[in-house]
C-alpha atoms as a PDB file:
ATOM      1  CA  MET A   1      -0.190   0.117   0.136  1.00  0.00           C
ATOM      2  CA  GLN A   2       2.484   2.567   0.707  1.00  0.00           C
ATOM      3  CA  GLN A   3       3.960   2.094  -2.871  1.00  0.00           C
ATOM      4  CA  TRP A   4       0.771   2.831  -4.219  1.00  0.00           C
ATOM      5  CA  HIS A   5       0.787   6.057  -1.769  1.00  0.00           C
ATOM      6  CA  GLY A   6       4.215   7.051  -3.163  1.00  0.00           C
ATOM      7  CA  LEU A   7       2.832   7.238  -6.483  1.00  0.00           C
ATOM      8  CA  ALA A   8       0.198   9.406  -5.634  1.00  0.00           C
ATOM      9  CA  ASP A   9       2.545  11.798  -4.178  1.00  0.00           C
ATOM     10  CA  ALA A  10       4.225  11.655  -7.067  1.00  0.00           C
ATOM     11  CA  LEU A  11       1.514  12.473  -9.829  1.00  0.00           C
ATOM     12  CA  LEU A  12       0.364  15.484  -7.600  1.00  0.00           C
ATOM     13  CA  GLU A  13       4.458  16.359  -7.465  1.00  0.00           C
ATOM     14  CA  LEU A  14       4.521  15.903 -10.938  1.00  0.00           C
ATOM     15  CA  GLU A  15       1.198  18.655 -11.858  1.00  0.00           C
ATOM     16  CA  GLN A  16       2.529  20.722  -9.234  1.00  0.00           C
ATOM     17  CA  GLU A  17       5.891  21.179 -11.026  1.00  0.00           C
ATOM     18  CA  LEU A  18       4.079  21.592 -14.746  1.00  0.00           C
ATOM     19  CA  ARG A  19       2.115  23.992 -12.879  1.00  0.00           C
ATOM     20  CA  ALA A  20       4.774  25.815 -11.629  1.00  0.00           C
ATOM     21  CA  LEU A  21       6.841  25.847 -14.790  1.00  0.00           C
ATOM     22  CA  GLU A  22       3.672  27.272 -17.033  1.00  0.00           C
ATOM     23  CA  LEU A  23       3.541  24.184 -18.979  1.00  0.00           C
ATOM     24  CA  TRP A  24      -0.055  22.906 -17.578  1.00  0.00           C
ATOM     25  CA  ALA A  25      -2.873  23.632 -19.834  1.00  0.00           C
ATOM     26  CA  ALA A  26      -6.120  25.169 -19.093  1.00  0.00           C
ATOM     27  CA  LEU A  27      -8.108  23.714 -21.852  1.00  0.00           C
ATOM     28  CA  PRO A  28      -8.384  20.165 -22.996  1.00  0.00           C
ATOM     29  CA  PRO A  29      -6.866  19.498 -26.394  1.00  0.00           C
ATOM     30  CA  SER A  30      -9.490  17.993 -29.308  1.00  0.00           C
ATOM     31  CA  PRO A  31     -10.230  14.726 -28.901  1.00  0.00           C
ATOM     32  CA  ALA A  32      -8.556  13.936 -32.294  1.00  0.00           C
ATOM     33  CA  ALA A  33      -4.992  14.839 -30.601  1.00  0.00           C
ATOM     34  CA  LEU A  34      -6.286  12.638 -27.626  1.00  0.00           C
ATOM     35  CA  ALA A  35      -7.213   9.869 -29.749  1.00  0.00           C
ATOM     36  CA  SER A  36      -3.343   9.787 -31.320  1.00  0.00           C
ATOM     37  CA  ARG A  37      -1.719   6.412 -31.650  1.00  0.00           C
ATOM     38  CA  GLU A  38       1.833   7.389 -31.668  1.00  0.00           C
ATOM     39  CA  PRO A  39       3.955   6.790 -28.732  1.00  0.00           C
ATOM     40  CA  PHE A  40       3.217   9.828 -25.949  1.00  0.00           C
ATOM     41  CA  CYS A  41       1.033  11.391 -28.500  1.00  0.00           C
ATOM     42  CA  VAL A  42       4.111  12.586 -30.534  1.00  0.00           C
ATOM     43  CA  ASP A  43       2.187  13.286 -33.617  1.00  0.00           C
ATOM     44  CA  THR A  44      -0.190  15.607 -31.719  1.00  0.00           C
ATOM     45  CA  LEU A  45       0.416  16.828 -28.583  1.00  0.00           C
ATOM     46  CA  PRO A  46       3.909  17.776 -26.427  1.00  0.00           C
ATOM     47  CA  PHE A  47       5.127  15.430 -23.804  1.00  0.00           C
ATOM     48  CA  GLU A  48       3.669  17.974 -21.181  1.00  0.00           C
ATOM     49  CA  GLY A  49       0.282  17.862 -23.040  1.00  0.00           C
ATOM     50  CA  TRP A  50       0.356  13.984 -22.819  1.00  0.00           C
ATOM     51  CA  LEU A  51       1.482  13.840 -19.603  1.00  0.00           C
ATOM     52  CA  GLN A  52      -1.456  16.221 -18.055  1.00  0.00           C
ATOM     53  CA  TRP A  53      -4.423  15.125 -20.407  1.00  0.00           C
ATOM     54  CA  ILE A  54      -3.449  11.081 -20.317  1.00  0.00           C
ATOM     55  CA  PHE A  55      -0.608   9.832 -18.193  1.00  0.00           C
ATOM     56  CA  ILE A  56      -1.874  11.002 -14.871  1.00  0.00           C
ATOM     57  CA  PRO A  57      -5.323  10.130 -15.610  1.00  0.00           C
ATOM     58  CA  ARG A  58      -4.569   6.849 -16.700  1.00  0.00           C
ATOM     59  CA  MET A  59      -2.173   6.268 -13.401  1.00  0.00           C
ATOM     60  CA  GLY A  60      -5.072   7.927 -11.442  1.00  0.00           C
ATOM     61  CA  GLN A  61      -7.353   5.215 -12.725  1.00  0.00           C
ATOM     62  CA  ILE A  62      -4.841   2.602 -11.804  1.00  0.00           C
ATOM     63  CA  ILE A  63      -4.180   3.930  -8.289  1.00  0.00           C
ATOM     64  CA  GLU A  64      -7.582   4.101  -7.331  1.00  0.00           C
ATOM     65  CA  ALA A  65      -8.447   0.526  -8.979  1.00  0.00           C
ATOM     66  CA  GLY A  66      -5.689  -0.764  -7.179  1.00  0.00           C
ATOM     67  CA  GLY A  67      -3.930  -2.724  -9.812  1.00  0.00           C
ATOM     68  CA  GLY A  68      -2.838  -3.465 -13.426  1.00  0.00           C
ATOM     69  CA  MET A  69       0.698  -1.788 -13.633  1.00  0.00           C
ATOM     70  CA  PRO A  70       2.077  -2.207 -16.648  1.00  0.00           C
ATOM     71  CA  ALA A  71       5.955  -2.878 -16.817  1.00  0.00           C
ATOM     72  CA  GLY A  72       8.239  -0.487 -17.935  1.00  0.00           C
ATOM     73  CA  CYS A  73       6.675   2.898 -17.865  1.00  0.00           C
ATOM     74  CA  ASN A  74      10.151   4.818 -18.475  1.00  0.00           C
ATOM     75  CA  ILE A  75       8.972   7.974 -18.898  1.00  0.00           C
ATOM     76  CA  ARG A  76      12.202   9.546 -17.475  1.00  0.00           C
ATOM     77  CA  PRO A  77      14.230   9.718 -21.089  1.00  0.00           C
ATOM     78  CA  MET A  78      11.173  10.856 -22.768  1.00  0.00           C
ATOM     79  CA  GLY A  79      10.936  14.037 -20.273  1.00  0.00           C
ATOM     80  CA  GLU A  80      14.720  14.501 -20.698  1.00  0.00           C
ATOM     81  CA  GLU A  81      14.735  14.663 -23.991  1.00  0.00           C
ATOM     82  CA  ALA A  82      11.352  16.663 -24.193  1.00  0.00           C
ATOM     83  CA  PHE A  83      12.384  19.156 -21.796  1.00  0.00           C
ATOM     84  CA  ALA A  84      15.838  19.691 -22.303  1.00  0.00           C
ATOM     85  CA  HIS A  85      14.643  23.209 -23.930  1.00  0.00           C
ATOM     86  CA  LEU A  86      14.329  24.300 -20.156  1.00  0.00           C
ATOM     87  CA  GLY A  87      17.943  23.677 -19.149  1.00  0.00           C
ATOM     88  CA  SER A  88      18.321  23.842 -15.549  1.00  0.00           C
ATOM     89  CA  HIS A  89      14.804  24.808 -14.803  1.00  0.00           C
ATOM     90  CA  ALA A  90      13.916  20.611 -15.916  1.00  0.00           C
ATOM     91  CA  ALA A  91      16.000  19.204 -12.852  1.00  0.00           C
ATOM     92  CA  GLY A  92      12.972  19.255 -10.859  1.00  0.00           C
ATOM     93  CA  LEU A  93      10.394  18.177 -13.425  1.00  0.00           C
ATOM     94  CA  VAL A  94      12.923  15.176 -14.691  1.00  0.00           C
ATOM     95  CA  ALA A  95      13.058  13.630 -11.106  1.00  0.00           C
ATOM     96  CA  ILE A  96       9.560  13.384 -10.063  1.00  0.00           C
ATOM     97  CA  LEU A  97       9.604  11.548 -14.095  1.00  0.00           C
ATOM     98  CA  GLY A  98      12.284   9.359 -12.596  1.00  0.00           C
ATOM     99  CA  ARG A  99      10.307   8.856  -9.063  1.00  0.00           C
ATOM    100  CA  ILE A 100       7.591   7.562 -10.771  1.00  0.00           C
ATOM    101  CA  ASP A 101       9.486   5.270 -12.832  1.00  0.00           C
ATOM    102  CA  HIS A 102      11.172   3.467  -9.729  1.00  0.00           C
ATOM    103  CA  ALA A 103       7.391   3.435  -8.222  1.00  0.00           C
ATOM    104  CA  ALA A 104       5.843   2.135 -10.957  1.00  0.00           C
ATOM    105  CA  GLY A 105       8.497  -0.391 -11.698  1.00  0.00           C
ATOM    106  CA  GLN A 106       8.346  -1.593  -7.981  1.00  0.00           C
ATOM    107  CA  LEU A 107       4.650  -2.088  -8.335  1.00  0.00           C
ATOM    108  CA  ALA A 108       4.339  -3.693 -11.429  1.00  0.00           C
ATOM    109  CA  SER A 109       6.935  -6.385 -10.083  1.00  0.00           C
ATOM    110  CA  ARG A 110       5.007  -7.007  -7.169  1.00  0.00           C
ATOM    111  CA  GLY A 111       2.039  -8.364  -9.900  1.00  0.00           C
END
């Protein structure tokens, strides 16, 4: 149960950091943008949009259900690339993504 709390806390931190960096959108993207079949919706959304509108809600659903964590979350490398333009301001954001990867990996290995 503690791992689920750790993941939930990291997701809240992610939202707070995206807001602090002014990367949190006030309006949702179009349904077509959300329906992309590409990884991270790279063809229709910026990475922060994917985090906000797809990743965080899906992870919230998994936490609420208490299971079904997919193996290999591994979003930190994408975050490192996507947020490189932020320079040193990206450090906290990338660290949070790493904590999410770690927590999700531990939960996935528990089955």
